[in-house]
Amino acid sequence: MKKVTKNLSIVALLFALTLATTTSFATPTTGNPASSTIELKFIGKHENQPVFELNLANADADEFSIIIRDEYGSLLYSAKAKGTNITRKFMLNEEVGDTDLYVEVKSKKNNKAETYKISKSYSYKDEPVITSAK
């Protein structure tokens, strides 16, 4: 029951923060749909939570399905988008934790999909800092 509640709160947050209208943690795992440019990138944090932007650009109007699943295959988000230049923003909440997420974007016209994997990655800098002593 806890997992169901967790998934529902993630879906609600993703749905509420999806907007129609650089450093990437996402890496593609399958081929790119023909005549379309699909880009998923990390754009920063809002309220200390990661925000990602999905850009879909294509020469002709197309319909895309967008699906987000966790590493266990649970569906967290699903939507359809139509047009030539589509942008969606997603904010993940802390309940996702260190779970890998998979974002699949599928073109209706050519029935091809591209999948991105979002993983948490940590890096620490250990270097001296020099400042003025005045």
Protein backbone atom coordinates (compact mmCIF):
# COMPACT_ATOMS: atom_id res chain seq x y z
CA MET A 1 0.00 0.00 0.00
CA LYS A 2 2.90 2.35 0.77
CA LYS A 3 4.28 1.88 -2.77
CA VAL A 4 0.89 2.67 -4.32
CA THR A 5 0.60 5.86 -2.25
CA LYS A 6 4.18 6.79 -3.18
CA ASN A 7 3.50 6.27 -6.89
CA LEU A 8 0.25 8.27 -6.75
CA SER A 9 1.98 11.22 -5.11
CA ILE A 10 4.76 11.13 -7.72
CA VAL A 11 2.23 10.99 -10.55
CA ALA A 12 0.23 13.84 -9.02
CA LEU A 13 3.35 15.97 -8.68
CA LEU A 14 4.53 15.21 -12.21
CA PHE A 15 1.09 15.92 -13.63
CA ALA A 16 0.74 19.17 -11.69
CA LEU A 17 4.13 20.44 -12.78
CA THR A 18 4.01 19.41 -16.45
CA LEU A 19 3.89 22.59 -18.51
CA ALA A 20 2.87 22.81 -22.16
CA THR A 21 4.12 25.45 -24.11
CA THR A 22 22.95 21.88 -18.82
CA THR A 23 23.93 19.22 -17.88
CA SER A 24 22.09 16.06 -18.68
CA PHE A 25 21.51 13.13 -16.35
CA ALA A 26 19.51 11.37 -19.03
CA THR A 27 21.10 9.10 -21.59
CA PRO A 28 19.29 7.65 -24.60
CA THR A 29 19.00 3.86 -24.64
CA THR A 30 17.33 3.32 -28.04
CA GLY A 31 17.20 4.80 -31.55
CA ASN A 32 15.95 8.26 -32.49
CA PRO A 33 12.63 8.60 -34.37
CA ALA A 34 13.27 9.76 -37.94
CA SER A 35 12.77 13.46 -38.76
CA SER A 36 12.38 14.33 -35.07
CA THR A 37 14.74 15.84 -32.55
CA ILE A 38 14.13 14.68 -29.01
CA GLU A 39 16.10 16.22 -26.16
CA LEU A 40 15.77 15.53 -22.43
CA LYS A 41 17.96 17.67 -20.21
CA PHE A 42 18.43 18.63 -16.58
CA ILE A 43 17.67 22.36 -16.27
CA GLY A 44 18.18 22.92 -12.55
CA LYS A 45 16.40 22.62 -9.25
CA HIS A 46 13.21 24.12 -7.90
CA GLU A 47 12.64 23.89 -4.15
CA ASN A 48 15.71 21.62 -4.04
CA GLN A 49 14.11 19.10 -6.43
CA PRO A 50 15.48 18.25 -9.91
CA VAL A 51 13.66 19.72 -12.92
CA PHE A 52 13.96 18.23 -16.40
CA GLU A 53 12.90 19.65 -19.75
CA LEU A 54 11.75 17.52 -22.67
CA ASN A 55 11.90 19.18 -26.10
CA LEU A 56 10.29 17.56 -29.14
CA ALA A 57 11.00 19.25 -32.46
CA ASN A 58 9.89 17.85 -35.79
CA ALA A 59 9.34 19.19 -39.29
CA ASP A 60 5.75 17.95 -39.59
CA ALA A 61 3.09 17.83 -36.91
CA ASP A 62 3.20 14.55 -35.05
CA GLU A 63 1.68 13.00 -31.95
CA PHE A 64 4.01 11.72 -29.25
CA SER A 65 3.30 9.56 -26.25
CA ILE A 66 5.41 10.31 -23.17
CA ILE A 67 5.73 7.60 -20.52
CA ILE A 68 7.75 7.70 -17.30
CA ARG A 69 8.40 4.46 -15.40
CA ASP A 70 10.58 3.59 -12.44
CA GLU A 71 13.24 0.87 -12.53
CA TYR A 72 10.64 -1.69 -11.41
CA GLY A 73 8.39 -0.93 -14.39
CA SER A 74 5.72 0.94 -12.42
CA LEU A 75 3.97 3.59 -14.49
CA LEU A 76 4.50 7.03 -12.93
CA TYR A 77 3.27 9.30 -15.74
CA SER A 78 1.70 9.00 -19.18
CA ALA A 79 0.59 11.73 -21.61
CA LYS A 80 0.16 12.51 -25.29
CA ALA A 81 1.41 15.66 -27.02
CA LYS A 82 0.67 16.93 -30.53
CA GLY A 83 2.43 19.55 -32.62
CA THR A 84 5.74 20.48 -34.23
CA ASN A 85 7.67 22.06 -31.34
CA ILE A 86 6.65 20.70 -27.96
CA THR A 87 8.19 21.44 -24.56
CA ARG A 88 7.33 19.75 -21.27
CA LYS A 89 8.92 20.33 -17.86
CA PHE A 90 8.95 17.76 -15.08
CA MET A 91 9.91 18.15 -11.42
CA LEU A 92 10.66 15.01 -9.44
CA ASN A 93 10.02 14.89 -5.73
CA GLU A 94 12.22 13.37 -3.02
CA GLU A 95 10.04 10.24 -2.81
CA VAL A 96 11.68 8.97 -6.00
CA GLY A 97 14.92 8.61 -4.00
CA ASP A 98 17.80 6.94 -5.82
CA THR A 99 15.48 4.97 -8.10
CA ASP A 100 16.37 5.07 -11.80
CA LEU A 101 13.63 6.46 -14.02
CA TYR A 102 12.97 5.72 -17.68
CA VAL A 103 11.39 8.29 -19.99
CA GLU A 104 10.04 6.87 -23.24
CA VAL A 105 8.99 9.13 -26.11
CA LYS A 106 7.21 7.43 -28.98
CA SER A 107 6.26 8.97 -32.34
CA LYS A 108 2.84 8.00 -33.68
CA LYS A 109 3.77 8.66 -37.34
CA ASN A 110 6.75 6.34 -37.59
CA ASN A 111 6.04 4.18 -34.51
CA LYS A 112 9.61 4.56 -33.23
CA ALA A 113 10.57 5.23 -29.63
CA GLU A 114 13.48 6.77 -27.80
CA THR A 115 14.09 5.92 -24.16
CA TYR A 116 16.12 7.95 -21.65
CA LYS A 117 17.40 6.75 -18.31
CA ILE A 118 17.60 9.25 -15.44
CA SER A 119 19.99 8.25 -12.67
CA LYS A 120 21.18 10.18 -9.68
CA SER A 121 24.85 11.01 -9.92
CA TYR A 122 26.89 12.60 -7.18
CA SER A 123 30.21 14.34 -7.51
CA TYR A 124 32.32 16.13 -4.95
CA LYS A 125 35.10 18.65 -5.55
CA ASP A 126 38.14 18.57 -3.35
CA GLU A 127 40.21 21.58 -4.34
CA PRO A 128 41.74 24.56 -2.56
CA VAL A 129 39.92 27.90 -2.58
CA ILE A 130 41.93 31.13 -2.69
CA THR A 131 40.33 34.37 -1.57
CA SER A 132 41.61 37.84 -0.72
CA ALA A 133 42.67 38.24 2.93
CA LYS A 134 42.05 42.02 2.99
